[in-house]
Protein backbone atom coordinates (compact mmCIF):
# COMPACT_ATOMS: atom_id res chain seq x y z
CA UNK A 1 7.81 -16.67 -27.29
CA UNK A 2 4.56 -16.51 -28.67
CA UNK A 3 3.32 -13.55 -29.74
CA UNK A 4 0.41 -12.33 -27.07
CA UNK A 5 -3.02 -11.42 -28.82
CA UNK A 6 -5.54 -10.24 -26.25
CA UNK A 7 -6.38 -7.29 -28.16
CA UNK A 8 -3.39 -4.67 -26.59
CA UNK A 9 -0.85 -3.87 -28.49
CA UNK A 10 3.34 -4.37 -26.73
CA UNK A 11 3.05 -0.73 -26.56
CA UNK A 12 -0.13 -1.00 -24.28
CA UNK A 13 0.66 -3.81 -22.58
CA UNK A 14 4.43 -2.73 -21.58
CA UNK A 15 2.27 0.37 -20.05
CA UNK A 16 0.43 -1.58 -18.39
CA UNK A 17 3.35 -3.74 -17.08
CA UNK A 18 4.77 -0.64 -15.70
CA UNK A 19 2.64 0.65 -13.41
CA UNK A 20 1.22 -2.76 -12.02
CA UNK A 21 5.55 -3.49 -10.76
CA UNK A 22 4.75 0.21 -9.62
CA UNK A 23 2.28 -1.21 -7.43
CA UNK A 24 4.31 -4.32 -6.81
CA UNK A 25 6.74 -2.25 -5.51
CA UNK A 26 4.87 -0.11 -3.09
CA UNK A 27 2.74 -3.25 -2.20
CA UNK A 28 6.12 -4.66 -1.05
CA UNK A 29 7.67 -2.13 0.59
CA UNK A 30 4.12 -1.85 2.78
CA UNK A 31 4.17 -5.12 3.70
CA UNK A 32 7.75 -4.82 5.39
CA UNK A 33 6.77 -1.97 7.12
CA UNK A 34 3.82 -3.71 8.48
CA UNK A 35 5.77 -6.79 9.37
CA UNK A 36 8.15 -4.88 10.85
CA UNK A 37 5.24 -2.63 13.26
CA UNK A 38 3.86 -6.11 14.06
CA UNK A 39 6.75 -7.22 15.37
CA UNK A 40 8.20 -4.02 16.90
CA UNK A 41 4.52 -2.69 18.66
CA UNK A 42 4.59 -1.94 22.67
CA UNK A 43 2.63 -1.28 24.85
CA UNK A 44 -1.25 -0.80 26.11
CA UNK A 45 -2.68 -1.46 21.70
CA UNK A 46 0.29 -3.99 21.26
CA UNK A 47 -2.34 -7.38 20.91
CA UNK A 48 -4.82 -5.49 18.69
CA UNK A 49 -2.11 -4.18 16.92
CA UNK A 50 -0.48 -7.15 16.51
CA UNK A 51 -3.36 -9.15 15.21
CA UNK A 52 -4.40 -5.95 13.12
CA UNK A 53 -1.31 -6.04 11.48
CA UNK A 54 -1.20 -9.74 11.33
CA UNK A 55 -4.81 -9.52 8.85
CA UNK A 56 -3.00 -6.70 6.76
CA UNK A 57 0.06 -8.53 5.78
CA UNK A 58 -1.66 -11.43 5.09
CA UNK A 59 -3.89 -9.35 2.77
CA UNK A 60 -0.63 -7.43 1.19
CA UNK A 61 1.05 -10.82 0.42
CA UNK A 62 -2.19 -12.23 -1.28
CA UNK A 63 -2.34 -8.72 -3.41
CA UNK A 64 1.83 -9.10 -4.06
CA UNK A 65 1.33 -12.43 -5.60
CA UNK A 66 -2.40 -11.19 -7.65
CA UNK A 67 0.22 -8.41 -9.30
CA UNK A 68 2.89 -10.18 -9.98
CA UNK A 69 0.67 -12.89 -11.64
CA UNK A 70 -1.00 -10.15 -13.27
CA UNK A 71 2.36 -8.70 -14.84
CA UNK A 72 2.60 -12.22 -16.26
CA UNK A 73 -0.20 -12.78 -17.41
CA UNK A 74 0.17 -9.66 -20.17
CA UNK A 75 3.57 -11.19 -20.08
CA UNK A 76 5.92 -8.96 -18.45
CA UNK A 77 8.03 -10.31 -15.74
CA UNK A 78 7.17 -8.74 -11.83
CA UNK A 79 10.18 -6.74 -10.49
CA UNK A 80 11.49 -9.68 -7.75
CA UNK A 81 14.27 -7.93 -5.78
CA UNK A 82 14.93 -5.21 -3.10
CA UNK A 83 16.91 -3.13 -5.41
CA UNK A 84 14.20 -3.08 -7.70
CA UNK A 85 11.15 -2.57 -5.69
CA UNK A 86 13.43 0.60 -3.62
CA UNK A 87 13.98 1.96 -7.17
CA UNK A 88 10.17 1.86 -8.28
CA UNK A 89 8.66 2.24 -5.17
CA UNK A 90 7.11 5.82 -4.23
CA UNK A 91 6.61 4.84 -0.88
CA UNK A 92 9.56 5.78 1.26
CA UNK A 93 11.40 3.13 3.83
CA UNK A 94 11.55 4.67 8.07
CA UNK A 95 14.68 2.93 8.77
CA UNK A 96 16.77 3.68 11.84
CA UNK A 97 13.46 4.43 14.20
CA UNK A 98 11.09 2.67 15.98
CA UNK A 99 8.03 5.08 16.33
CA UNK A 100 5.28 4.85 19.00
CA UNK A 101 2.49 2.93 18.48
CA UNK A 102 0.26 5.52 16.93
CA UNK A 103 3.42 6.79 15.20
CA UNK A 104 3.50 3.26 13.51
CA UNK A 105 -0.04 3.56 13.25
CA UNK A 106 0.06 7.47 11.57
CA UNK A 107 3.01 6.43 9.41
CA UNK A 108 0.60 3.23 7.66
CA UNK A 109 -1.89 5.40 6.65
CA UNK A 110 0.39 7.93 5.23
CA UNK A 111 1.58 4.91 3.31
CA UNK A 112 -1.57 3.48 2.44
CA UNK A 113 -2.94 7.24 1.42
CA UNK A 114 -0.32 7.16 -0.89
CA UNK A 115 -1.09 3.52 -2.90
CA UNK A 116 -4.71 4.45 -3.12
CA UNK A 117 -3.90 8.17 -5.16
CA UNK A 118 -1.52 5.72 -7.35
CA UNK A 119 -3.51 2.97 -8.00
CA UNK A 120 -6.75 5.92 -8.56
CA UNK A 121 -4.05 7.02 -10.97
CA UNK A 122 -3.53 3.98 -12.46
CA UNK A 123 -6.63 2.44 -12.91
CA UNK A 124 -7.14 5.57 -15.32
CA UNK A 125 -3.80 5.29 -17.53
CA UNK A 126 -5.35 1.35 -17.51
CA UNK A 127 -8.56 2.30 -18.79
CA UNK A 128 -8.19 5.39 -20.47
CA UNK A 129 -4.61 5.81 -22.07
CA UNK A 130 -3.62 1.88 -22.18
CA UNK A 131 -7.19 0.50 -22.90
CA UNK A 132 -7.36 -2.87 -20.74
CA UNK A 133 -10.55 -2.99 -18.32
CA UNK A 134 -9.10 -5.80 -17.19
CA UNK A 135 -6.39 -4.33 -15.31
CA UNK A 136 -8.41 -1.30 -14.41
CA UNK A 137 -11.23 -3.60 -13.05
CA UNK A 138 -8.17 -5.58 -11.07
CA UNK A 139 -6.79 -2.14 -9.70
CA UNK A 140 -10.09 -1.18 -8.57
CA UNK A 141 -10.18 -4.18 -6.58
CA UNK A 142 -6.93 -3.30 -4.52
CA UNK A 143 -8.04 0.29 -4.23
CA UNK A 144 -10.87 -0.59 -2.00
CA UNK A 145 -8.91 -2.64 -0.15
CA UNK A 146 -6.60 -0.30 0.81
CA UNK A 147 -9.07 2.07 0.85
CA UNK A 148 -11.04 -0.20 3.56
CA UNK A 149 -7.41 -0.95 5.16
CA UNK A 150 -6.37 2.67 5.55
CA UNK A 151 -10.42 3.69 7.68
CA UNK A 152 -9.19 1.20 9.96
CA UNK A 153 -6.08 2.72 10.80
CA UNK A 154 -7.36 5.99 11.04
CA UNK A 155 -9.93 4.76 12.94
CA UNK A 156 -7.44 3.32 15.27
CA UNK A 157 -6.07 6.84 16.12
CA UNK A 158 -9.85 8.41 15.55
CA UNK A 159 -10.72 11.03 18.45
CA UNK A 160 -6.48 11.63 19.11
CA UNK A 161 -4.54 14.48 19.03
CA UNK A 162 -1.25 13.90 17.07
CA UNK A 163 0.97 16.38 16.28
CA UNK A 164 2.31 16.51 12.62
CA UNK A 165 5.15 13.89 13.63
CA UNK A 166 2.91 11.23 15.18
CA UNK A 167 3.62 12.14 18.10
CA UNK A 168 0.95 12.91 21.35
CA UNK A 169 1.13 16.34 21.43
CA UNK A 170 2.36 18.47 25.15
CA UNK A 171 -0.55 18.28 27.91
CA UNK A 172 -1.36 21.70 26.69
CA UNK A 173 -3.31 20.77 23.94
CA UNK A 174 -7.03 20.19 24.45
CA UNK A 175 -9.27 18.00 22.80
CA UNK A 176 -12.87 18.60 22.51
CA UNK A 177 -15.10 16.38 23.72
CA UNK A 178 -17.25 14.18 21.00
CA UNK A 179 -15.51 15.30 18.93
């Protein structure tokens, strides 16, 4: 293999590749969850959530490809197995249950917010620790997309009182008007 001479050491490139592979694993797990919820959502919000999540999983699919290609551009190989994704991902599966539509939205908000926190850290590490401003800029773009998606999802449940598990609270709970 020809040596890569792009102004980064092998150690810097490998450090960034490791970060990107973790981001790739999280994106893939989030894609699977989003598609599963797209298929399983029921209730009065079906159409709006079904369409919203289709937009989201299309965006995630493009991001997954971009992450993998960034890894290749830096001379690495992207993780590409389910075993590898589950090993590297910081997100957790929610197998075995199908939450309510609001619970699905809440789960996805939590996951996107975790990805946002990870990306903030990876932007800093890419730029400061590994001196790869190109990857830092690339990850900043992904971060902004996840922020927008999280905002859209939070807006969906804004104003609805939720228990910690994402379910509607009992009838005793009051939600202030206009809040």
